[in-house]
Amino acid sequence: MRAGFLDAWENAAAGKPRTADHGVSFASYDDMHRVLAPSRLAIVKIMAGQGPLAIREVARRVGRDVQAVHRDITTLINAGIIDREEGGVVFPYDEIDFAFKVSAAA
């Protein structure tokens, strides 16, 4: 982590553009849509840039049952979308960028 910070610091000092250091890939659009279903995407959206949140607080913010939100958060953690920290769960980014490639059918 320290090395990554130092690289980012040196690049910024040299005027080099910042590069993303985290990404999640899915084998297909269907896989992505299964993990980032609308209810789960709503969770990620309210967590963006908020720091660690308790699962109960996430549930309150999205207006859903705590057990259902817990299941969705477990899916998001397993997919590498959000992280569990000492203070709760966190989506440590301010935004999500989606990129799609569409190829001709085989």
N, C-alpha and C. Protein backbone atom coordinates (compact mmCIF):
# COMPACT_ATOMS: atom_id res chain seq x y z
N MET A 1 0.83 -1.18 0.00
CA MET A 1 0.00 0.00 0.00
C MET A 1 0.88 1.25 0.00
N ARG A 2 1.94 1.21 0.81
CA ARG A 2 2.84 2.35 0.87
C ARG A 2 3.50 2.61 -0.47
N ALA A 3 3.91 1.54 -1.15
CA ALA A 3 4.54 1.70 -2.47
C ALA A 3 3.57 2.33 -3.46
N GLY A 4 2.32 1.90 -3.41
CA GLY A 4 1.31 2.48 -4.29
C GLY A 4 1.10 3.95 -4.02
N PHE A 5 1.09 4.32 -2.74
CA PHE A 5 0.94 5.72 -2.38
C PHE A 5 2.12 6.54 -2.88
N LEU A 6 3.33 6.00 -2.69
CA LEU A 6 4.52 6.73 -3.14
C LEU A 6 4.55 6.89 -4.65
N ASP A 7 4.15 5.85 -5.37
CA ASP A 7 4.08 5.96 -6.84
C ASP A 7 3.07 7.03 -7.24
N ALA A 8 1.91 7.04 -6.61
CA ALA A 8 0.89 8.03 -6.92
C ALA A 8 1.39 9.43 -6.62
N TRP A 9 2.09 9.58 -5.49
CA TRP A 9 2.63 10.88 -5.09
C TRP A 9 3.65 11.38 -6.12
N GLU A 10 4.56 10.49 -6.52
CA GLU A 10 5.59 10.87 -7.49
C GLU A 10 4.97 11.20 -8.85
N ASN A 11 3.97 10.42 -9.28
CA ASN A 11 3.31 10.70 -10.55
C ASN A 11 2.60 12.05 -10.50
N ALA A 12 1.93 12.33 -9.38
CA ALA A 12 1.24 13.62 -9.25
C ALA A 12 2.24 14.77 -9.27
N ALA A 13 3.38 14.61 -8.59
CA ALA A 13 4.40 15.65 -8.56
C ALA A 13 4.99 15.88 -9.95
N ALA A 14 5.04 14.82 -10.75
CA ALA A 14 5.59 14.92 -12.10
C ALA A 14 4.53 15.35 -13.11
N GLY A 15 3.30 15.54 -12.66
CA GLY A 15 2.23 15.96 -13.57
C GLY A 15 1.66 14.86 -14.43
N LYS A 16 1.93 13.61 -14.06
CA LYS A 16 1.39 12.48 -14.81
C LYS A 16 -0.06 12.25 -14.40
N PRO A 17 -0.90 11.80 -15.34
CA PRO A 17 -2.30 11.57 -14.99
C PRO A 17 -2.44 10.42 -13.99
N ARG A 18 -3.46 10.52 -13.17
CA ARG A 18 -3.74 9.47 -12.18
C ARG A 18 -4.36 8.27 -12.89
N THR A 19 -3.95 7.09 -12.51
CA THR A 19 -4.49 5.88 -13.09
C THR A 19 -5.29 5.12 -12.04
N ALA A 20 -6.30 4.41 -12.49
CA ALA A 20 -7.10 3.61 -11.57
C ALA A 20 -6.27 2.44 -11.08
N ASP A 21 -6.39 2.13 -9.81
CA ASP A 21 -5.63 1.02 -9.26
C ASP A 21 -6.53 -0.12 -8.84
N HIS A 22 -7.80 -0.02 -9.16
CA HIS A 22 -8.72 -1.09 -8.78
C HIS A 22 -9.74 -1.27 -9.89
N GLY A 23 -10.03 -2.49 -10.18
CA GLY A 23 -11.04 -2.78 -11.18
C GLY A 23 -11.65 -4.14 -10.92
N VAL A 24 -12.87 -4.29 -11.37
CA VAL A 24 -13.56 -5.57 -11.25
C VAL A 24 -14.05 -5.92 -12.64
N SER A 25 -13.80 -7.14 -13.04
CA SER A 25 -14.24 -7.60 -14.36
C SER A 25 -15.26 -8.72 -14.19
N PHE A 26 -16.16 -8.80 -15.14
CA PHE A 26 -17.15 -9.86 -15.17
C PHE A 26 -17.05 -10.58 -16.50
N ALA A 27 -17.33 -11.87 -16.47
CA ALA A 27 -17.24 -12.69 -17.68
C ALA A 27 -18.29 -12.29 -18.71
N SER A 28 -19.42 -11.77 -18.25
CA SER A 28 -20.48 -11.39 -19.17
C SER A 28 -21.32 -10.27 -18.57
N TYR A 29 -22.10 -9.65 -19.42
CA TYR A 29 -23.03 -8.62 -18.94
C TYR A 29 -24.01 -9.24 -17.95
N ASP A 30 -24.47 -10.45 -18.23
CA ASP A 30 -25.41 -11.11 -17.32
C ASP A 30 -24.81 -11.32 -15.93
N ASP A 31 -23.52 -11.68 -15.87
CA ASP A 31 -22.86 -11.83 -14.57
C ASP A 31 -22.79 -10.50 -13.83
N MET A 32 -22.45 -9.44 -14.57
CA MET A 32 -22.37 -8.12 -13.96
C MET A 32 -23.75 -7.69 -13.44
N HIS A 33 -24.76 -7.91 -14.25
CA HIS A 33 -26.11 -7.51 -13.87
C HIS A 33 -26.61 -8.32 -12.67
N ARG A 34 -26.19 -9.57 -12.57
CA ARG A 34 -26.58 -10.39 -11.43
C ARG A 34 -25.97 -9.84 -10.14
N VAL A 35 -24.68 -9.48 -10.19
CA VAL A 35 -24.01 -8.95 -9.01
C VAL A 35 -24.46 -7.52 -8.72
N LEU A 36 -24.56 -6.72 -9.75
CA LEU A 36 -24.94 -5.32 -9.57
C LEU A 36 -26.40 -5.11 -9.96
N ALA A 37 -27.26 -5.97 -9.45
CA ALA A 37 -28.70 -5.80 -9.65
C ALA A 37 -29.11 -4.43 -9.11
N PRO A 38 -30.23 -3.89 -9.54
CA PRO A 38 -30.62 -2.54 -9.11
C PRO A 38 -30.59 -2.32 -7.59
N SER A 39 -31.02 -3.30 -6.81
CA SER A 39 -31.02 -3.11 -5.35
C SER A 39 -29.59 -3.04 -4.81
N ARG A 40 -28.67 -3.79 -5.39
CA ARG A 40 -27.27 -3.75 -4.95
C ARG A 40 -26.57 -2.49 -5.45
N LEU A 41 -26.90 -2.08 -6.65
CA LEU A 41 -26.32 -0.85 -7.18
C LEU A 41 -26.77 0.35 -6.33
N ALA A 42 -27.99 0.31 -5.83
CA ALA A 42 -28.47 1.38 -4.94
C ALA A 42 -27.62 1.43 -3.66
N ILE A 43 -27.23 0.27 -3.16
CA ILE A 43 -26.36 0.21 -1.98
C ILE A 43 -25.02 0.85 -2.29
N VAL A 44 -24.43 0.49 -3.40
CA VAL A 44 -23.13 1.04 -3.77
C VAL A 44 -23.23 2.56 -3.95
N LYS A 45 -24.29 3.02 -4.57
CA LYS A 45 -24.45 4.46 -4.81
C LYS A 45 -24.53 5.24 -3.50
N ILE A 46 -25.24 4.74 -2.50
CA ILE A 46 -25.33 5.49 -1.25
C ILE A 46 -24.05 5.39 -0.43
N MET A 47 -23.24 4.37 -0.71
CA MET A 47 -21.99 4.19 0.02
C MET A 47 -20.83 4.99 -0.58
N ALA A 48 -20.95 5.38 -1.83
CA ALA A 48 -19.84 6.05 -2.53
C ALA A 48 -19.38 7.29 -1.78
N GLY A 49 -18.10 7.29 -1.44
CA GLY A 49 -17.48 8.43 -0.79
C GLY A 49 -17.90 8.67 0.66
N GLN A 50 -18.58 7.73 1.29
CA GLN A 50 -19.10 7.93 2.64
C GLN A 50 -18.21 7.38 3.74
N GLY A 51 -17.20 6.62 3.41
CA GLY A 51 -16.39 5.98 4.44
C GLY A 51 -17.12 4.76 4.99
N PRO A 52 -16.57 4.12 6.02
CA PRO A 52 -17.19 2.92 6.57
C PRO A 52 -18.58 3.20 7.15
N LEU A 53 -19.52 2.31 6.85
CA LEU A 53 -20.88 2.41 7.37
C LEU A 53 -21.29 1.08 7.97
N ALA A 54 -22.06 1.13 9.05
CA ALA A 54 -22.65 -0.08 9.62
C ALA A 54 -23.73 -0.58 8.67
N ILE A 55 -23.92 -1.89 8.62
CA ILE A 55 -24.92 -2.46 7.73
C ILE A 55 -26.31 -1.91 8.07
N ARG A 56 -26.60 -1.72 9.33
CA ARG A 56 -27.90 -1.12 9.71
C ARG A 56 -28.08 0.27 9.12
N GLU A 57 -27.00 1.04 9.08
CA GLU A 57 -27.07 2.38 8.51
C GLU A 57 -27.28 2.31 7.00
N VAL A 58 -26.62 1.38 6.34
CA VAL A 58 -26.82 1.19 4.91
C VAL A 58 -28.29 0.84 4.65
N ALA A 59 -28.83 -0.09 5.44
CA ALA A 59 -30.23 -0.50 5.29
C ALA A 59 -31.16 0.69 5.49
N ARG A 60 -30.87 1.51 6.49
CA ARG A 60 -31.70 2.69 6.74
C ARG A 60 -31.67 3.64 5.55
N ARG A 61 -30.48 3.85 5.00
CA ARG A 61 -30.34 4.80 3.88
C ARG A 61 -31.03 4.32 2.60
N VAL A 62 -31.06 3.02 2.39
CA VAL A 62 -31.74 2.52 1.19
C VAL A 62 -33.19 2.15 1.46
N GLY A 63 -33.60 2.21 2.74
CA GLY A 63 -34.99 1.94 3.09
C GLY A 63 -35.39 0.48 2.90
N ARG A 64 -34.47 -0.43 3.28
CA ARG A 64 -34.73 -1.85 3.12
C ARG A 64 -34.46 -2.59 4.42
N ASP A 65 -34.91 -3.84 4.46
CA ASP A 65 -34.72 -4.75 5.59
C ASP A 65 -33.23 -5.03 5.80
N VAL A 66 -32.80 -5.05 7.05
CA VAL A 66 -31.38 -5.26 7.38
C VAL A 66 -30.89 -6.62 6.87
N GLN A 67 -31.67 -7.67 7.03
CA GLN A 67 -31.23 -9.00 6.58
C GLN A 67 -31.04 -9.04 5.07
N ALA A 68 -31.94 -8.42 4.32
CA ALA A 68 -31.81 -8.41 2.86
C ALA A 68 -30.58 -7.61 2.45
N VAL A 69 -30.35 -6.47 3.10
CA VAL A 69 -29.18 -5.66 2.80
C VAL A 69 -27.90 -6.42 3.17
N HIS A 70 -27.93 -7.14 4.27
CA HIS A 70 -26.76 -7.95 4.67
C HIS A 70 -26.43 -8.98 3.59
N ARG A 71 -27.44 -9.65 3.05
CA ARG A 71 -27.20 -10.63 1.97
C ARG A 71 -26.60 -9.94 0.75
N ASP A 72 -27.15 -8.77 0.39
CA ASP A 72 -26.62 -8.05 -0.76
C ASP A 72 -25.19 -7.58 -0.52
N ILE A 73 -24.91 -7.11 0.67
CA ILE A 73 -23.55 -6.66 0.99
C ILE A 73 -22.57 -7.83 0.94
N THR A 74 -22.98 -8.99 1.41
CA THR A 74 -22.13 -10.18 1.33
C THR A 74 -21.80 -10.50 -0.13
N THR A 75 -22.78 -10.42 -1.00
CA THR A 75 -22.55 -10.64 -2.44
C THR A 75 -21.58 -9.61 -2.99
N LEU A 76 -21.74 -8.34 -2.61
CA LEU A 76 -20.84 -7.28 -3.10
C LEU A 76 -19.43 -7.44 -2.56
N ILE A 77 -19.29 -7.89 -1.32
CA ILE A 77 -17.96 -8.15 -0.75
C ILE A 77 -17.30 -9.30 -1.50
N ASN A 78 -18.03 -10.39 -1.71
CA ASN A 78 -17.48 -11.55 -2.41
C ASN A 78 -17.08 -11.23 -3.84
N ALA A 79 -17.75 -10.26 -4.46
CA ALA A 79 -17.42 -9.86 -5.84
C ALA A 79 -16.28 -8.84 -5.88
N GLY A 80 -15.84 -8.35 -4.73
CA GLY A 80 -14.76 -7.38 -4.70
C GLY A 80 -15.21 -5.95 -4.95
N ILE A 81 -16.50 -5.68 -4.83
CA ILE A 81 -17.03 -4.35 -5.08
C ILE A 81 -16.87 -3.46 -3.85
N ILE A 82 -17.19 -3.99 -2.68
CA ILE A 82 -17.02 -3.24 -1.44
C ILE A 82 -16.13 -4.05 -0.50
N ASP A 83 -15.65 -3.39 0.55
CA ASP A 83 -14.75 -4.02 1.52
C ASP A 83 -15.35 -3.95 2.92
N ARG A 84 -14.94 -4.89 3.74
CA ARG A 84 -15.30 -4.88 5.16
C ARG A 84 -14.11 -4.30 5.91
N GLU A 85 -14.38 -3.32 6.76
CA GLU A 85 -13.35 -2.70 7.60
C GLU A 85 -13.80 -2.73 9.05
N GLU A 86 -12.92 -2.30 9.93
CA GLU A 86 -13.24 -2.30 11.35
C GLU A 86 -14.50 -1.47 11.65
N GLY A 87 -14.68 -0.36 10.96
CA GLY A 87 -15.83 0.51 11.22
C GLY A 87 -17.09 0.15 10.47
N GLY A 88 -17.07 -0.93 9.71
CA GLY A 88 -18.24 -1.34 8.93
C GLY A 88 -17.85 -1.77 7.54
N VAL A 89 -18.71 -1.49 6.60
CA VAL A 89 -18.43 -1.81 5.19
C VAL A 89 -18.20 -0.51 4.45
N VAL A 90 -17.38 -0.58 3.40
CA VAL A 90 -17.00 0.64 2.71
C VAL A 90 -16.87 0.40 1.21
N PHE A 91 -17.35 1.36 0.44
CA PHE A 91 -17.05 1.46 -0.98
C PHE A 91 -16.11 2.67 -1.06
N PRO A 92 -14.79 2.41 -1.15
CA PRO A 92 -13.82 3.48 -0.93
C PRO A 92 -13.57 4.38 -2.14
N TYR A 93 -14.56 4.53 -2.98
CA TYR A 93 -14.42 5.34 -4.19
C TYR A 93 -15.58 6.32 -4.26
N ASP A 94 -15.42 7.35 -5.07
CA ASP A 94 -16.47 8.35 -5.23
C ASP A 94 -17.40 8.04 -6.39
N GLU A 95 -16.99 7.13 -7.25
CA GLU A 95 -17.80 6.85 -8.43
C GLU A 95 -17.51 5.46 -8.98
N ILE A 96 -18.37 5.04 -9.90
CA ILE A 96 -18.19 3.79 -10.63
C ILE A 96 -18.16 4.14 -12.10
N ASP A 97 -17.25 3.52 -12.82
CA ASP A 97 -17.17 3.71 -14.26
C ASP A 97 -17.42 2.36 -14.91
N PHE A 98 -18.41 2.28 -15.78
CA PHE A 98 -18.73 1.04 -16.48
C PHE A 98 -18.17 1.11 -17.89
N ALA A 99 -17.56 0.02 -18.34
CA ALA A 99 -17.08 -0.09 -19.71
C ALA A 99 -17.57 -1.42 -20.27
N PHE A 100 -18.13 -1.39 -21.47
CA PHE A 100 -18.67 -2.60 -22.09
C PHE A 100 -18.00 -2.81 -23.44
N LYS A 101 -17.77 -4.06 -23.75
CA LYS A 101 -17.34 -4.44 -25.09
C LYS A 101 -18.42 -5.35 -25.65
N VAL A 102 -18.86 -5.05 -26.84
CA VAL A 102 -19.86 -5.87 -27.50
C VAL A 102 -19.22 -6.43 -28.76
N SER A 103 -19.21 -7.75 -28.87
CA SER A 103 -18.59 -8.42 -30.01
C SER A 103 -19.65 -9.12 -30.83
N ALA A 104 -19.30 -9.42 -32.06
CA ALA A 104 -20.19 -10.18 -32.92
C ALA A 104 -20.42 -11.56 -32.35
N ALA A 105 -21.61 -12.08 -32.52
CA ALA A 105 -21.92 -13.43 -32.03
C ALA A 105 -21.11 -14.45 -32.80
N ALA A 106 -20.69 -15.48 -32.12
CA ALA A 106 -19.87 -16.53 -32.75
C ALA A 106 -20.71 -17.49 -33.53
